[in-house]
């Protein structure tokens, strides 16, 4: 279900290294352009040096921790179950969720083949700005939108591929898993740990 979207998002990490985004007039917007470009450059440099899924996951993990608000993303993907989880489960979930995301996106990055990211525009709205991009070279040149919280050192809070939120997609998927396991958050944690270990 996530194959095409996760591939496009993974490609977007790398794309800006080969394409300079157009200059944006406002200083804050130019800073966001630079932010996405730096993310892409670091991702393609690190992940391109890896030859296995396990190595790519290990390379991507610190990038997610640096550029993404993983605690906020984890809390969102757990939805209503976040408040039902114990503090220990919440902490364990944030950790395994971050590892799981690095595994999923690292694996999809193996299919990256030189697509280029082009910034179209930046929309500012309070503490959150959205960087609108398209992926040149990918089928249909899909749009990838990056939500960035600018109030705390620029942290990505969601990525939407062709309007579909990856955070929301995972939230629905995980809610189904928890519901199928008696409403136990620990069941999801254990499943994600197994998936990460199976790389």
C-alpha atoms as a PDB file:
ATOM      1  CA  UNK A   1       0.000   0.000   0.000  1.00  0.00           C
ATOM      2  CA  UNK A   2       2.881   2.375   0.801  1.00  0.00           C
ATOM      3  CA  UNK A   3       5.240   1.330  -1.983  1.00  0.00           C
ATOM      4  CA  UNK A   4       4.805   4.190  -4.457  1.00  0.00           C
ATOM      5  CA  UNK A   5       4.374   6.926  -1.861  1.00  0.00           C
ATOM      6  CA  UNK A   6       7.319   5.828   0.249  1.00  0.00           C
ATOM      7  CA  UNK A   7       9.486   5.569  -2.871  1.00  0.00           C
ATOM      8  CA  UNK A   8       8.577   9.073  -4.007  1.00  0.00           C
ATOM      9  CA  UNK A   9       9.210  10.509  -0.548  1.00  0.00           C
ATOM     10  CA  UNK A  10      12.542   8.693  -0.328  1.00  0.00           C
ATOM     11  CA  UNK A  11      13.500   9.994  -3.753  1.00  0.00           C
ATOM     12  CA  UNK A  12      12.571  13.481  -2.614  1.00  0.00           C
ATOM     13  CA  UNK A  13      15.198  13.273   0.141  1.00  0.00           C
ATOM     14  CA  UNK A  14      17.862  12.918  -2.514  1.00  0.00           C
ATOM     15  CA  UNK A  15      16.484  14.913  -5.392  1.00  0.00           C
ATOM     16  CA  UNK A  16      17.550  18.446  -4.516  1.00  0.00           C
ATOM     17  CA  UNK A  17      21.215  17.557  -4.693  1.00  0.00           C
ATOM     18  CA  UNK A  18      21.061  17.568  -8.476  1.00  0.00           C
ATOM     19  CA  UNK A  19      18.634  20.452  -8.994  1.00  0.00           C
ATOM     20  CA  UNK A  20      18.882  23.918  -7.527  1.00  0.00           C
ATOM     21  CA  UNK A  21      15.483  25.202  -6.448  1.00  0.00           C
ATOM     22  CA  UNK A  22      14.398  28.609  -7.749  1.00  0.00           C
ATOM     23  CA  UNK A  23      15.314  31.606  -5.619  1.00  0.00           C
ATOM     24  CA  UNK A  24      12.482  32.719  -3.318  1.00  0.00           C
ATOM     25  CA  UNK A  25      12.193  36.383  -2.468  1.00  0.00           C
ATOM     26  CA  UNK A  26      11.437  36.391   1.248  1.00  0.00           C
ATOM     27  CA  UNK A  27      14.285  35.569   3.633  1.00  0.00           C
ATOM     28  CA  UNK A  28      12.275  32.992   5.586  1.00  0.00           C
ATOM     29  CA  UNK A  29      11.243  31.237   2.396  1.00  0.00           C
ATOM     30  CA  UNK A  30      14.819  31.164   1.141  1.00  0.00           C
ATOM     31  CA  UNK A  31      15.847  29.626   4.464  1.00  0.00           C
ATOM     32  CA  UNK A  32      13.261  26.873   4.016  1.00  0.00           C
ATOM     33  CA  UNK A  33      14.517  26.256   0.496  1.00  0.00           C
ATOM     34  CA  UNK A  34      18.026  25.871   1.900  1.00  0.00           C
ATOM     35  CA  UNK A  35      16.712  23.596   4.652  1.00  0.00           C
ATOM     36  CA  UNK A  36      15.109  21.141   2.223  1.00  0.00           C
ATOM     37  CA  UNK A  37      18.193  21.272  -0.002  1.00  0.00           C
ATOM     38  CA  UNK A  38      20.505  20.498   2.927  1.00  0.00           C
ATOM     39  CA  UNK A  39      18.301  17.600   3.946  1.00  0.00           C
ATOM     40  CA  UNK A  40      18.419  16.184   0.441  1.00  0.00           C
ATOM     41  CA  UNK A  41      22.162  16.598   0.069  1.00  0.00           C
ATOM     42  CA  UNK A  42      22.874  14.879   3.366  1.00  0.00           C
ATOM     43  CA  UNK A  43      20.452  12.046   2.604  1.00  0.00           C
ATOM     44  CA  UNK A  44      21.815  11.261  -0.846  1.00  0.00           C
ATOM     45  CA  UNK A  45      25.416  11.419   0.365  1.00  0.00           C
ATOM     46  CA  UNK A  46      24.809   9.134   3.320  1.00  0.00           C
ATOM     47  CA  UNK A  47      22.394   6.643   1.757  1.00  0.00           C
ATOM     48  CA  UNK A  48      24.249   6.341  -1.536  1.00  0.00           C
ATOM     49  CA  UNK A  49      27.257   5.045   0.368  1.00  0.00           C
ATOM     50  CA  UNK A  50      25.193   2.131   1.722  1.00  0.00           C
ATOM     51  CA  UNK A  51      24.801  -1.157  -0.134  1.00  0.00           C
ATOM     52  CA  UNK A  52      22.213  -3.023   1.958  1.00  0.00           C
ATOM     53  CA  UNK A  53      18.803  -2.222   3.439  1.00  0.00           C
ATOM     54  CA  UNK A  54      20.240  -2.498   6.948  1.00  0.00           C
ATOM     55  CA  UNK A  55      23.009  -0.031   6.123  1.00  0.00           C
ATOM     56  CA  UNK A  56      20.560   2.398   4.512  1.00  0.00           C
ATOM     57  CA  UNK A  57      18.307   2.239   7.583  1.00  0.00           C
ATOM     58  CA  UNK A  58      21.276   2.951   9.830  1.00  0.00           C
ATOM     59  CA  UNK A  59      22.295   5.920   7.659  1.00  0.00           C
ATOM     60  CA  UNK A  60      18.778   7.348   7.532  1.00  0.00           C
ATOM     61  CA  UNK A  61      18.067   7.083  11.269  1.00  0.00           C
ATOM     62  CA  UNK A  62      20.172  10.090  12.380  1.00  0.00           C
ATOM     63  CA  UNK A  63      18.844  12.128   9.448  1.00  0.00           C
ATOM     64  CA  UNK A  64      15.278  11.560  10.612  1.00  0.00           C
ATOM     65  CA  UNK A  65      16.298  12.456  14.150  1.00  0.00           C
ATOM     66  CA  UNK A  66      17.961  15.667  12.956  1.00  0.00           C
ATOM     67  CA  UNK A  67      15.447  16.997  10.441  1.00  0.00           C
ATOM     68  CA  UNK A  68      12.104  15.510  11.527  1.00  0.00           C
ATOM     69  CA  UNK A  69      10.027  16.023  14.656  1.00  0.00           C
ATOM     70  CA  UNK A  70       9.888  12.295  15.334  1.00  0.00           C
ATOM     71  CA  UNK A  71       8.253  12.537  18.807  1.00  0.00           C
ATOM     72  CA  UNK A  72       5.424  14.623  17.345  1.00  0.00           C
ATOM     73  CA  UNK A  73       5.061  12.310  14.357  1.00  0.00           C
ATOM     74  CA  UNK A  74       5.030   9.278  16.634  1.00  0.00           C
ATOM     75  CA  UNK A  75       2.360  10.798  18.862  1.00  0.00           C
ATOM     76  CA  UNK A  76       0.230  11.648  15.834  1.00  0.00           C
ATOM     77  CA  UNK A  77       0.491   8.188  14.314  1.00  0.00           C
ATOM     78  CA  UNK A  78      -0.594   6.597  17.589  1.00  0.00           C
ATOM     79  CA  UNK A  79      -3.710   8.780  17.632  1.00  0.00           C
ATOM     80  CA  UNK A  80      -6.107   8.244  20.533  1.00  0.00           C
ATOM     81  CA  UNK A  81      -4.013   5.332  21.719  1.00  0.00           C
ATOM     82  CA  UNK A  82      -1.244   7.719  22.787  1.00  0.00           C
ATOM     83  CA  UNK A  83      -3.150   8.712  25.941  1.00  0.00           C
ATOM     84  CA  UNK A  84      -3.939   5.083  26.659  1.00  0.00           C
ATOM     85  CA  UNK A  85      -0.287   4.091  26.536  1.00  0.00           C
ATOM     86  CA  UNK A  86       1.831   4.096  29.684  1.00  0.00           C
ATOM     87  CA  UNK A  87       4.802   6.496  29.845  1.00  0.00           C
ATOM     88  CA  UNK A  88       7.125   3.539  29.251  1.00  0.00           C
ATOM     89  CA  UNK A  89       5.080   2.465  26.217  1.00  0.00           C
ATOM     90  CA  UNK A  90       5.095   6.021  24.863  1.00  0.00           C
ATOM     91  CA  UNK A  91       8.876   6.200  25.106  1.00  0.00           C
ATOM     92  CA  UNK A  92       9.329   2.737  23.607  1.00  0.00           C
ATOM     93  CA  UNK A  93       6.939   3.590  20.794  1.00  0.00           C
ATOM     94  CA  UNK A  94       8.757   6.813  19.829  1.00  0.00           C
ATOM     95  CA  UNK A  95      12.019   4.871  19.625  1.00  0.00           C
ATOM     96  CA  UNK A  96      10.714   1.931  17.614  1.00  0.00           C
ATOM     97  CA  UNK A  97       8.598   4.170  15.364  1.00  0.00           C
ATOM     98  CA  UNK A  98      11.708   6.165  14.440  1.00  0.00           C
ATOM     99  CA  UNK A  99      13.628   2.962  13.730  1.00  0.00           C
ATOM    100  CA  UNK A 100      10.710   1.592  11.705  1.00  0.00           C
ATOM    101  CA  UNK A 101      10.516   4.734   9.568  1.00  0.00           C
ATOM    102  CA  UNK A 102      14.243   4.591   8.864  1.00  0.00           C
ATOM    103  CA  UNK A 103      13.845   0.960   7.822  1.00  0.00           C
ATOM    104  CA  UNK A 104      10.858   1.619   5.526  1.00  0.00           C
ATOM    105  CA  UNK A 105      12.281   4.698   3.820  1.00  0.00           C
ATOM    106  CA  UNK A 106      15.802   3.343   3.725  1.00  0.00           C
ATOM    107  CA  UNK A 107      14.579   0.288   1.856  1.00  0.00           C
ATOM    108  CA  UNK A 108      12.646   2.370  -0.671  1.00  0.00           C
ATOM    109  CA  UNK A 109      15.699   4.572  -1.222  1.00  0.00           C
ATOM    110  CA  UNK A 110      17.356   1.607  -2.911  1.00  0.00           C
ATOM    111  CA  UNK A 111      15.112   2.351  -5.924  1.00  0.00           C
ATOM    112  CA  UNK A 112      16.253   5.965  -6.232  1.00  0.00           C
ATOM    113  CA  UNK A 113      17.608   6.549  -9.736  1.00  0.00           C
ATOM    114  CA  UNK A 114      18.411  10.220 -10.109  1.00  0.00           C
ATOM    115  CA  UNK A 115      15.021  11.930  -9.871  1.00  0.00           C
ATOM    116  CA  UNK A 116      15.282  15.660  -9.181  1.00  0.00           C
ATOM    117  CA  UNK A 117      13.359  17.781  -6.707  1.00  0.00           C
ATOM    118  CA  UNK A 118      12.092  21.213  -7.773  1.00  0.00           C
ATOM    119  CA  UNK A 119      10.648  23.712  -5.308  1.00  0.00           C
ATOM    120  CA  UNK A 120       7.472  25.330  -6.632  1.00  0.00           C
ATOM    121  CA  UNK A 121       6.514  27.655  -3.795  1.00  0.00           C
ATOM    122  CA  UNK A 122       6.480  28.111  -0.032  1.00  0.00           C
ATOM    123  CA  UNK A 123       3.375  28.901   1.973  1.00  0.00           C
ATOM    124  CA  UNK A 124       3.749  30.332   5.447  1.00  0.00           C
ATOM    125  CA  UNK A 125       1.024  29.857   8.044  1.00  0.00           C
ATOM    126  CA  UNK A 126       1.894  30.710  11.610  1.00  0.00           C
ATOM    127  CA  UNK A 127       4.490  28.356  13.062  1.00  0.00           C
ATOM    128  CA  UNK A 128       4.122  25.891  10.174  1.00  0.00           C
ATOM    129  CA  UNK A 129       5.233  26.471   6.602  1.00  0.00           C
ATOM    130  CA  UNK A 130       4.696  24.152   3.656  1.00  0.00           C
ATOM    131  CA  UNK A 131       7.300  23.696   0.946  1.00  0.00           C
ATOM    132  CA  UNK A 132       5.626  22.556  -2.271  1.00  0.00           C
ATOM    133  CA  UNK A 133       7.852  20.503  -4.570  1.00  0.00           C
ATOM    134  CA  UNK A 134       7.568  18.187  -7.551  1.00  0.00           C
ATOM    135  CA  UNK A 135       9.778  15.224  -8.360  1.00  0.00           C
ATOM    136  CA  UNK A 136      11.170  15.484 -11.873  1.00  0.00           C
ATOM    137  CA  UNK A 137      11.971  12.172 -13.493  1.00  0.00           C
ATOM    138  CA  UNK A 138       9.430  10.202 -11.465  1.00  0.00           C
ATOM    139  CA  UNK A 139       6.329   8.810 -13.150  1.00  0.00           C
ATOM    140  CA  UNK A 140       3.763  11.581 -13.440  1.00  0.00           C
ATOM    141  CA  UNK A 141       6.103  14.053 -11.699  1.00  0.00           C
ATOM    142  CA  UNK A 142       4.207  13.757  -8.391  1.00  0.00           C
ATOM    143  CA  UNK A 143       3.907  16.635  -5.963  1.00  0.00           C
ATOM    144  CA  UNK A 144       5.549  16.275  -2.574  1.00  0.00           C
ATOM    145  CA  UNK A 145       4.620  18.780   0.131  1.00  0.00           C
ATOM    146  CA  UNK A 146       6.779  19.221   3.223  1.00  0.00           C
ATOM    147  CA  UNK A 147       5.237  20.653   6.413  1.00  0.00           C
ATOM    148  CA  UNK A 148       7.932  22.375   8.462  1.00  0.00           C
ATOM    149  CA  UNK A 149       7.586  23.731  11.995  1.00  0.00           C
ATOM    150  CA  UNK A 150       9.691  26.894  11.888  1.00  0.00           C
ATOM    151  CA  UNK A 151       9.281  27.795  15.572  1.00  0.00           C
ATOM    152  CA  UNK A 152      11.844  25.273  16.805  1.00  0.00           C
ATOM    153  CA  UNK A 153      14.799  25.133  14.452  1.00  0.00           C
ATOM    154  CA  UNK A 154      12.895  23.817  11.408  1.00  0.00           C
ATOM    155  CA  UNK A 155      11.520  20.326  11.961  1.00  0.00           C
ATOM    156  CA  UNK A 156       9.474  18.427   9.368  1.00  0.00           C
ATOM    157  CA  UNK A 157       6.129  17.360  10.811  1.00  0.00           C
ATOM    158  CA  UNK A 158       4.622  15.616   7.784  1.00  0.00           C
ATOM    159  CA  UNK A 159       5.204  14.760   4.148  1.00  0.00           C
ATOM    160  CA  UNK A 160       2.297  14.576   1.724  1.00  0.00           C
ATOM    161  CA  UNK A 161       2.694  12.771  -1.590  1.00  0.00           C
ATOM    162  CA  UNK A 162       0.056  13.813  -4.112  1.00  0.00           C
ATOM    163  CA  UNK A 163      -2.013  15.116  -1.205  1.00  0.00           C
ATOM    164  CA  UNK A 164      -1.805  11.908   0.828  1.00  0.00           C
ATOM    165  CA  UNK A 165      -0.317  12.386   4.286  1.00  0.00           C
ATOM    166  CA  UNK A 166       2.254   9.757   5.173  1.00  0.00           C
ATOM    167  CA  UNK A 167       1.698  10.450   8.877  1.00  0.00           C
ATOM    168  CA  UNK A 168      -2.043   9.913   8.496  1.00  0.00           C
ATOM    169  CA  UNK A 169      -1.527   6.786   6.411  1.00  0.00           C
ATOM    170  CA  UNK A 170       0.620   5.248   9.138  1.00  0.00           C
ATOM    171  CA  UNK A 171      -1.879   6.363  11.774  1.00  0.00           C
ATOM    172  CA  UNK A 172      -4.684   4.469  10.067  1.00  0.00           C
ATOM    173  CA  UNK A 173      -2.480   1.432   9.529  1.00  0.00           C
ATOM    174  CA  UNK A 174      -1.315   1.333  13.149  1.00  0.00           C
ATOM    175  CA  UNK A 175      -4.812   1.892  14.547  1.00  0.00           C
ATOM    176  CA  UNK A 176      -5.940  -1.175  12.625  1.00  0.00           C
ATOM    177  CA  UNK A 177      -3.060  -3.213  14.072  1.00  0.00           C
ATOM    178  CA  UNK A 178      -3.814  -2.127  17.635  1.00  0.00           C
ATOM    179  CA  UNK A 179      -7.534  -2.744  17.200  1.00  0.00           C
ATOM    180  CA  UNK A 180      -6.815  -6.245  15.919  1.00  0.00           C
ATOM    181  CA  UNK A 181      -4.704  -6.927  19.006  1.00  0.00           C
ATOM    182  CA  UNK A 182      -7.148  -6.097  21.759  1.00  0.00           C
ATOM    183  CA  UNK A 183      -6.374  -2.385  21.863  1.00  0.00           C
ATOM    184  CA  UNK A 184      -2.874  -3.016  23.202  1.00  0.00           C
ATOM    185  CA  UNK A 185      -0.213  -0.509  22.223  1.00  0.00           C
ATOM    186  CA  UNK A 186       2.472  -2.965  23.302  1.00  0.00           C
ATOM    187  CA  UNK A 187       1.303  -5.305  20.543  1.00  0.00           C
ATOM    188  CA  UNK A 188       2.101  -2.661  17.913  1.00  0.00           C
ATOM    189  CA  UNK A 189       5.471  -1.966  19.538  1.00  0.00           C
ATOM    190  CA  UNK A 190       6.350  -5.656  19.405  1.00  0.00           C
ATOM    191  CA  UNK A 191       5.276  -5.951  15.759  1.00  0.00           C
ATOM    192  CA  UNK A 192       7.323  -2.910  14.729  1.00  0.00           C
ATOM    193  CA  UNK A 193      10.356  -4.261  16.584  1.00  0.00           C
ATOM    194  CA  UNK A 194      10.073  -7.522  14.652  1.00  0.00           C
ATOM    195  CA  UNK A 195       9.809  -5.666  11.353  1.00  0.00           C
ATOM    196  CA  UNK A 196      12.890  -3.587  12.135  1.00  0.00           C
ATOM    197  CA  UNK A 197      14.826  -6.691  13.227  1.00  0.00           C
ATOM    198  CA  UNK A 198      13.893  -8.510  10.019  1.00  0.00           C
ATOM    199  CA  UNK A 199      15.802  -6.101   7.783  1.00  0.00           C
END
